[in-house]
Amino acid sequence: MNKHVFEKIAKLGKTELSEVKVDLALADELKKSLANYKSLPQFLNSASEYLGRTSKTYTEALKEFNNSKSNAQTLLSKYTNAYDETGVLLNKVKTSAEALGIKPSEISGYSELDKVHMDLVKSYTSLKELFNKVNK
């Protein structure tokens, strides 16, 4: 019987020590968790605020981009033949001037239209290339 009592006391001691070990392990786990995650809500809130700001900026920029693209498309459609028309007119003037034996640049407005024509070709081509690039 004494042996039985001592076995029970030994088991009780082990149980109590086991409970203390479990409590200490949980306390350590809590400390680790607290250290790892204490600043996480602040980090997540900061990320959320930043995403909100950039989302608003993105939405506004996308709207402005689409408006700009639409305007460019309208201008390209409206002036698609403009540099052809000025080129044809310059060629007619050049042919007429040569038939009269004069230089085209001696005709009033020819040099100015020639410059406008070159600027128009460059501008139209540049806008068309950029429009095609962003429209992919």
N, C-alpha and C. Protein backbone atom coordinates (compact mmCIF):
# COMPACT_ATOMS: atom_id res chain seq x y z
N MET A 1 0.81 -1.18 0.00
CA MET A 1 0.00 0.00 0.00
C MET A 1 0.86 1.26 0.00
N ASN A 2 1.91 1.24 0.77
CA ASN A 2 2.82 2.38 0.78
C ASN A 2 3.40 2.63 -0.59
N LYS A 3 3.66 1.53 -1.27
CA LYS A 3 4.21 1.64 -2.62
C LYS A 3 3.22 2.35 -3.54
N HIS A 4 1.97 2.00 -3.38
CA HIS A 4 0.90 2.64 -4.16
C HIS A 4 0.82 4.13 -3.89
N VAL A 5 0.92 4.50 -2.69
CA VAL A 5 0.83 5.90 -2.29
C VAL A 5 1.99 6.68 -2.90
N PHE A 6 3.17 6.09 -2.82
CA PHE A 6 4.32 6.78 -3.37
C PHE A 6 4.22 6.92 -4.89
N GLU A 7 3.67 5.92 -5.55
CA GLU A 7 3.48 6.01 -6.99
C GLU A 7 2.50 7.12 -7.34
N LYS A 8 1.43 7.23 -6.57
CA LYS A 8 0.45 8.29 -6.82
C LYS A 8 1.06 9.67 -6.57
N ILE A 9 1.85 9.78 -5.53
CA ILE A 9 2.50 11.07 -5.22
C ILE A 9 3.46 11.41 -6.36
N ALA A 10 4.19 10.44 -6.85
CA ALA A 10 5.13 10.67 -7.95
C ALA A 10 4.38 11.13 -9.20
N LYS A 11 3.24 10.47 -9.47
CA LYS A 11 2.43 10.87 -10.63
C LYS A 11 1.89 12.28 -10.46
N LEU A 12 1.44 12.62 -9.25
CA LEU A 12 0.95 13.97 -9.00
C LEU A 12 2.06 14.99 -9.23
N GLY A 13 3.25 14.70 -8.77
CA GLY A 13 4.38 15.61 -8.95
C GLY A 13 4.71 15.81 -10.41
N LYS A 14 4.68 14.71 -11.17
CA LYS A 14 4.94 14.80 -12.61
C LYS A 14 3.86 15.61 -13.30
N THR A 15 2.62 15.39 -12.89
CA THR A 15 1.52 16.12 -13.49
C THR A 15 1.65 17.60 -13.22
N GLU A 16 1.96 17.96 -12.00
CA GLU A 16 2.12 19.37 -11.67
C GLU A 16 3.29 19.98 -12.43
N LEU A 17 4.40 19.26 -12.50
CA LEU A 17 5.56 19.77 -13.24
C LEU A 17 5.23 19.88 -14.73
N SER A 18 4.51 18.92 -15.25
CA SER A 18 4.10 18.97 -16.66
C SER A 18 3.24 20.19 -16.92
N GLU A 19 2.32 20.49 -16.02
CA GLU A 19 1.46 21.67 -16.16
C GLU A 19 2.29 22.94 -16.15
N VAL A 20 3.30 22.98 -15.29
CA VAL A 20 4.17 24.17 -15.23
C VAL A 20 4.95 24.31 -16.53
N LYS A 21 5.45 23.17 -17.07
CA LYS A 21 6.18 23.21 -18.34
C LYS A 21 5.27 23.70 -19.46
N VAL A 22 4.02 23.22 -19.48
CA VAL A 22 3.06 23.64 -20.49
C VAL A 22 2.78 25.13 -20.36
N ASP A 23 2.60 25.60 -19.13
CA ASP A 23 2.33 27.02 -18.91
C ASP A 23 3.51 27.87 -19.37
N LEU A 24 4.73 27.45 -19.06
CA LEU A 24 5.91 28.20 -19.47
C LEU A 24 6.05 28.19 -20.99
N ALA A 25 5.78 27.06 -21.62
CA ALA A 25 5.86 26.97 -23.08
C ALA A 25 4.84 27.90 -23.73
N LEU A 26 3.63 27.94 -23.18
CA LEU A 26 2.61 28.85 -23.71
C LEU A 26 3.01 30.30 -23.51
N ALA A 27 3.59 30.60 -22.37
CA ALA A 27 4.04 31.98 -22.11
C ALA A 27 5.12 32.38 -23.10
N ASP A 28 6.06 31.48 -23.38
CA ASP A 28 7.11 31.77 -24.37
C ASP A 28 6.51 31.96 -25.76
N GLU A 29 5.56 31.10 -26.09
CA GLU A 29 4.90 31.20 -27.39
C GLU A 29 4.15 32.52 -27.51
N LEU A 30 3.48 32.94 -26.44
CA LEU A 30 2.78 34.23 -26.44
C LEU A 30 3.75 35.39 -26.64
N LYS A 31 4.90 35.34 -25.96
CA LYS A 31 5.91 36.41 -26.10
C LYS A 31 6.43 36.48 -27.54
N LYS A 32 6.71 35.30 -28.11
CA LYS A 32 7.19 35.26 -29.50
C LYS A 32 6.15 35.84 -30.45
N SER A 33 4.91 35.41 -30.27
CA SER A 33 3.83 35.87 -31.12
C SER A 33 3.66 37.38 -31.00
N LEU A 34 3.71 37.87 -29.78
CA LEU A 34 3.58 39.32 -29.55
C LEU A 34 4.72 40.07 -30.23
N ALA A 35 5.93 39.58 -30.09
CA ALA A 35 7.08 40.23 -30.73
C ALA A 35 6.96 40.22 -32.25
N ASN A 36 6.48 39.10 -32.78
CA ASN A 36 6.38 38.97 -34.24
C ASN A 36 5.26 39.81 -34.84
N TYR A 37 4.16 39.92 -34.14
CA TYR A 37 2.96 40.50 -34.75
C TYR A 37 2.50 41.83 -34.16
N LYS A 38 3.23 42.37 -33.20
CA LYS A 38 2.80 43.60 -32.53
C LYS A 38 2.69 44.77 -33.51
N SER A 39 3.65 44.90 -34.42
CA SER A 39 3.65 46.03 -35.36
C SER A 39 2.89 45.73 -36.65
N LEU A 40 2.42 44.51 -36.81
CA LEU A 40 1.73 44.13 -38.04
C LEU A 40 0.48 44.94 -38.33
N PRO A 41 -0.41 45.21 -37.36
CA PRO A 41 -1.59 46.02 -37.68
C PRO A 41 -1.23 47.41 -38.21
N GLN A 42 -0.20 48.04 -37.62
CA GLN A 42 0.23 49.35 -38.09
C GLN A 42 0.76 49.25 -39.52
N PHE A 43 1.52 48.22 -39.80
CA PHE A 43 2.05 48.00 -41.15
C PHE A 43 0.92 47.78 -42.15
N LEU A 44 -0.06 46.96 -41.77
CA LEU A 44 -1.19 46.69 -42.66
C LEU A 44 -2.03 47.93 -42.88
N ASN A 45 -2.24 48.73 -41.84
CA ASN A 45 -2.99 49.98 -41.98
C ASN A 45 -2.27 50.94 -42.91
N SER A 46 -0.96 51.01 -42.77
CA SER A 46 -0.16 51.88 -43.64
C SER A 46 -0.27 51.42 -45.09
N ALA A 47 -0.19 50.11 -45.31
CA ALA A 47 -0.32 49.57 -46.66
C ALA A 47 -1.71 49.85 -47.23
N SER A 48 -2.71 49.76 -46.38
CA SER A 48 -4.08 50.03 -46.81
C SER A 48 -4.25 51.49 -47.21
N GLU A 49 -3.72 52.40 -46.41
CA GLU A 49 -3.81 53.83 -46.73
C GLU A 49 -3.09 54.13 -48.04
N TYR A 50 -1.89 53.57 -48.21
CA TYR A 50 -1.12 53.80 -49.42
C TYR A 50 -1.87 53.26 -50.64
N LEU A 51 -2.42 52.07 -50.51
CA LEU A 51 -3.19 51.48 -51.62
C LEU A 51 -4.38 52.35 -51.97
N GLY A 52 -5.05 52.89 -50.95
CA GLY A 52 -6.18 53.78 -51.20
C GLY A 52 -5.77 55.02 -51.96
N ARG A 53 -4.66 55.63 -51.54
CA ARG A 53 -4.17 56.85 -52.22
C ARG A 53 -3.75 56.54 -53.66
N THR A 54 -2.98 55.48 -53.84
CA THR A 54 -2.51 55.16 -55.19
C THR A 54 -3.65 54.69 -56.07
N SER A 55 -4.64 54.05 -55.50
CA SER A 55 -5.79 53.63 -56.27
C SER A 55 -6.54 54.85 -56.81
N LYS A 56 -6.69 55.85 -55.97
CA LYS A 56 -7.36 57.08 -56.40
C LYS A 56 -6.56 57.76 -57.50
N THR A 57 -5.24 57.85 -57.31
CA THR A 57 -4.36 58.47 -58.31
C THR A 57 -4.43 57.69 -59.62
N TYR A 58 -4.40 56.37 -59.51
CA TYR A 58 -4.46 55.50 -60.69
C TYR A 58 -5.78 55.72 -61.45
N THR A 59 -6.88 55.75 -60.72
CA THR A 59 -8.19 55.93 -61.35
C THR A 59 -8.27 57.26 -62.08
N GLU A 60 -7.77 58.32 -61.42
CA GLU A 60 -7.78 59.64 -62.06
C GLU A 60 -6.88 59.67 -63.29
N ALA A 61 -5.69 59.07 -63.16
CA ALA A 61 -4.74 59.05 -64.28
C ALA A 61 -5.29 58.22 -65.44
N LEU A 62 -5.93 57.11 -65.13
CA LEU A 62 -6.51 56.27 -66.18
C LEU A 62 -7.63 57.01 -66.91
N LYS A 63 -8.45 57.74 -66.17
CA LYS A 63 -9.52 58.53 -66.80
C LYS A 63 -8.91 59.60 -67.71
N GLU A 64 -7.88 60.28 -67.22
CA GLU A 64 -7.22 61.32 -68.02
C GLU A 64 -6.55 60.70 -69.24
N PHE A 65 -5.93 59.53 -69.07
CA PHE A 65 -5.28 58.84 -70.18
C PHE A 65 -6.30 58.47 -71.25
N ASN A 66 -7.43 57.92 -70.84
CA ASN A 66 -8.46 57.52 -71.80
C ASN A 66 -9.03 58.74 -72.53
N ASN A 67 -9.21 59.86 -71.81
CA ASN A 67 -9.67 61.08 -72.47
C ASN A 67 -8.64 61.56 -73.50
N SER A 68 -7.38 61.53 -73.10
CA SER A 68 -6.31 61.96 -74.00
C SER A 68 -6.24 61.07 -75.23
N LYS A 69 -6.39 59.78 -75.02
CA LYS A 69 -6.36 58.83 -76.14
C LYS A 69 -7.55 59.08 -77.08
N SER A 70 -8.69 59.36 -76.52
CA SER A 70 -9.89 59.63 -77.31
C SER A 70 -9.70 60.92 -78.13
N ASN A 71 -9.14 61.94 -77.49
CA ASN A 71 -8.86 63.19 -78.20
C ASN A 71 -7.86 62.98 -79.33
N ALA A 72 -6.85 62.18 -79.06
CA ALA A 72 -5.84 61.89 -80.10
C ALA A 72 -6.48 61.16 -81.27
N GLN A 73 -7.35 60.22 -80.98
CA GLN A 73 -8.01 59.48 -82.04
C GLN A 73 -8.89 60.41 -82.88
N THR A 74 -9.59 61.32 -82.22
CA THR A 74 -10.41 62.30 -82.94
C THR A 74 -9.55 63.17 -83.85
N LEU A 75 -8.43 63.64 -83.32
CA LEU A 75 -7.54 64.50 -84.12
C LEU A 75 -6.94 63.72 -85.29
N LEU A 76 -6.55 62.50 -85.05
CA LEU A 76 -5.99 61.69 -86.14
C LEU A 76 -7.02 61.45 -87.23
N SER A 77 -8.26 61.18 -86.84
CA SER A 77 -9.32 60.97 -87.82
C SER A 77 -9.61 62.25 -88.59
N LYS A 78 -9.64 63.36 -87.86
CA LYS A 78 -9.99 64.64 -88.47
C LYS A 78 -8.92 65.12 -89.44
N TYR A 79 -7.66 64.90 -89.11
CA TYR A 79 -6.57 65.46 -89.92
C TYR A 79 -5.76 64.40 -90.65
N THR A 80 -6.35 63.22 -90.85
CA THR A 80 -5.62 62.14 -91.50
C THR A 80 -5.16 62.50 -92.92
N ASN A 81 -5.88 63.34 -93.60
CA ASN A 81 -5.51 63.71 -94.97
C ASN A 81 -4.90 65.09 -95.08
N ALA A 82 -4.72 65.78 -93.96
CA ALA A 82 -4.25 67.17 -94.00
C ALA A 82 -2.88 67.30 -94.64
N TYR A 83 -1.94 66.43 -94.25
CA TYR A 83 -0.61 66.60 -94.84
C TYR A 83 -0.59 66.15 -96.30
N ASP A 84 -1.49 65.23 -96.66
CA ASP A 84 -1.60 64.87 -98.08
C ASP A 84 -2.12 66.06 -98.89
N GLU A 85 -3.13 66.73 -98.35
CA GLU A 85 -3.71 67.88 -99.05
C GLU A 85 -2.69 69.00 -99.21
N THR A 86 -1.94 69.29 -98.15
CA THR A 86 -0.93 70.36 -98.27
C THR A 86 0.18 69.94 -99.21
N GLY A 87 0.54 68.66 -99.19
CA GLY A 87 1.57 68.16 -100.10
C GLY A 87 1.14 68.26 -101.55
N VAL A 88 -0.12 67.91 -101.84
CA VAL A 88 -0.65 68.00 -103.20
C VAL A 88 -0.65 69.47 -103.66
N LEU A 89 -1.10 70.36 -102.78
CA LEU A 89 -1.13 71.79 -103.13
C LEU A 89 0.27 72.32 -103.40
N LEU A 90 1.23 71.94 -102.56
CA LEU A 90 2.62 72.39 -102.78
C LEU A 90 3.16 71.88 -104.12
N ASN A 91 2.83 70.63 -104.45
CA ASN A 91 3.28 70.08 -105.74
C ASN A 91 2.64 70.81 -106.92
N LYS A 92 1.35 71.17 -106.80
CA LYS A 92 0.67 71.93 -107.87
C LYS A 92 1.35 73.28 -108.06
N VAL A 93 1.63 73.96 -106.95
CA VAL A 93 2.27 75.28 -107.03
C VAL A 93 3.66 75.14 -107.64
N LYS A 94 4.38 74.11 -107.21
CA LYS A 94 5.74 73.89 -107.73
C LYS A 94 5.70 73.64 -109.24
N THR A 95 4.76 72.80 -109.69
CA THR A 95 4.63 72.50 -111.11
C THR A 95 4.26 73.76 -111.89
N SER A 96 3.31 74.54 -111.37
CA SER A 96 2.89 75.78 -112.05
C SER A 96 4.04 76.79 -112.10
N ALA A 97 4.77 76.90 -111.00
CA ALA A 97 5.88 77.85 -110.95
C ALA A 97 6.95 77.46 -111.97
N GLU A 98 7.25 76.19 -112.03
CA GLU A 98 8.27 75.73 -112.98
C GLU A 98 7.81 75.96 -114.43
N ALA A 99 6.51 75.81 -114.68
CA ALA A 99 5.98 76.05 -116.03
C ALA A 99 6.11 77.52 -116.40
N LEU A 100 6.04 78.39 -115.38
CA LEU A 100 6.18 79.83 -115.62
C LEU A 100 7.64 80.27 -115.59
N GLY A 101 8.52 79.35 -115.21
CA GLY A 101 9.94 79.66 -115.18
C GLY A 101 10.36 80.42 -113.93
N ILE A 102 9.60 80.26 -112.84
CA ILE A 102 9.99 80.93 -111.59
C ILE A 102 10.17 79.88 -110.48
N LYS A 103 10.81 80.32 -109.44
CA LYS A 103 11.00 79.43 -108.28
C LYS A 103 9.71 79.41 -107.46
N PRO A 104 9.33 78.24 -106.95
CA PRO A 104 8.12 78.16 -106.12
C PRO A 104 8.20 79.09 -104.90
N SER A 105 9.39 79.26 -104.36
CA SER A 105 9.55 80.11 -103.17
C SER A 105 9.25 81.58 -103.46
N GLU A 106 9.20 81.96 -104.76
CA GLU A 106 8.87 83.34 -105.12
C GLU A 106 7.37 83.60 -105.06
N ILE A 107 6.58 82.53 -104.96
CA ILE A 107 5.13 82.67 -104.88
C ILE A 107 4.76 82.91 -103.42
N SER A 108 3.96 83.91 -103.20
CA SER A 108 3.57 84.30 -101.85
C SER A 108 2.87 83.15 -101.11
N GLY A 109 3.38 82.82 -99.94
CA GLY A 109 2.78 81.79 -99.09
C GLY A 109 3.36 80.40 -99.28
N TYR A 110 4.09 80.18 -100.40
CA TYR A 110 4.62 78.84 -100.67
C TYR A 110 5.59 78.39 -99.59
N SER A 111 6.58 79.19 -99.27
CA SER A 111 7.60 78.82 -98.28
C SER A 111 6.96 78.58 -96.91
N GLU A 112 6.01 79.43 -96.58
CA GLU A 112 5.33 79.28 -95.28
C GLU A 112 4.52 77.98 -95.24
N LEU A 113 3.79 77.69 -96.34
CA LEU A 113 3.01 76.45 -96.39
C LEU A 113 3.93 75.23 -96.40
N ASP A 114 5.08 75.35 -97.06
CA ASP A 114 6.04 74.25 -97.08
C ASP A 114 6.53 73.94 -95.66
N LYS A 115 6.80 74.97 -94.88
CA LYS A 115 7.23 74.79 -93.49
C LYS A 115 6.10 74.18 -92.67
N VAL A 116 4.89 74.70 -92.84
CA VAL A 116 3.73 74.16 -92.12
C VAL A 116 3.53 72.69 -92.50
N HIS A 117 3.69 72.38 -93.78
CA HIS A 117 3.54 71.01 -94.26
C HIS A 117 4.54 70.08 -93.56
N MET A 118 5.79 70.48 -93.47
CA MET A 118 6.82 69.65 -92.82
C MET A 118 6.51 69.47 -91.33
N ASP A 119 6.09 70.56 -90.69
CA ASP A 119 5.72 70.47 -89.26
C ASP A 119 4.51 69.55 -89.08
N LEU A 120 3.57 69.66 -89.99
CA LEU A 120 2.36 68.83 -89.94
C LEU A 120 2.69 67.34 -90.10
N VAL A 121 3.56 67.04 -91.05
CA VAL A 121 3.96 65.65 -91.27
C VAL A 121 4.63 65.09 -90.01
N LYS A 122 5.55 65.86 -89.43
CA LYS A 122 6.25 65.41 -88.22
C LYS A 122 5.28 65.22 -87.06
N SER A 123 4.41 66.20 -86.84
CA SER A 123 3.47 66.14 -85.72
C SER A 123 2.47 65.00 -85.87
N TYR A 124 1.92 64.87 -87.05
CA TYR A 124 0.94 63.81 -87.30
C TYR A 124 1.58 62.44 -87.11
N THR A 125 2.75 62.27 -87.72
CA THR A 125 3.46 60.99 -87.64
C THR A 125 3.79 60.65 -86.19
N SER A 126 4.27 61.64 -85.45
CA SER A 126 4.62 61.43 -84.04
C SER A 126 3.39 61.01 -83.23
N LEU A 127 2.28 61.72 -83.41
CA LEU A 127 1.05 61.39 -82.68
C LEU A 127 0.54 60.02 -83.09
N LYS A 128 0.59 59.70 -84.35
CA LYS A 128 0.11 58.42 -84.85
C LYS A 128 0.92 57.27 -84.27
N GLU A 129 2.25 57.42 -84.24
CA GLU A 129 3.12 56.38 -83.70
C GLU A 129 2.85 56.16 -82.20
N LEU A 130 2.73 57.26 -81.47
CA LEU A 130 2.47 57.15 -80.03
C LEU A 130 1.09 56.56 -79.76
N PHE A 131 0.11 56.99 -80.54
CA PHE A 131 -1.24 56.46 -80.39
C PHE A 131 -1.26 54.95 -80.63
N ASN A 132 -0.59 54.51 -81.69
CA ASN A 132 -0.53 53.07 -81.98
C ASN A 132 0.17 52.31 -80.86
N LYS A 133 1.20 52.91 -80.29
CA LYS A 133 1.96 52.27 -79.22
C LYS A 133 1.11 52.11 -77.96
N VAL A 134 0.36 53.13 -77.57
CA VAL A 134 -0.44 53.05 -76.33
C VAL A 134 -1.75 52.35 -76.56
N ASN A 135 -2.12 52.14 -77.79
CA ASN A 135 -3.41 51.52 -78.09
C ASN A 135 -3.30 50.00 -78.23
N LYS A 136 -2.14 49.46 -77.96
CA LYS A 136 -1.95 47.99 -78.08
C LYS A 136 -2.52 47.28 -76.89
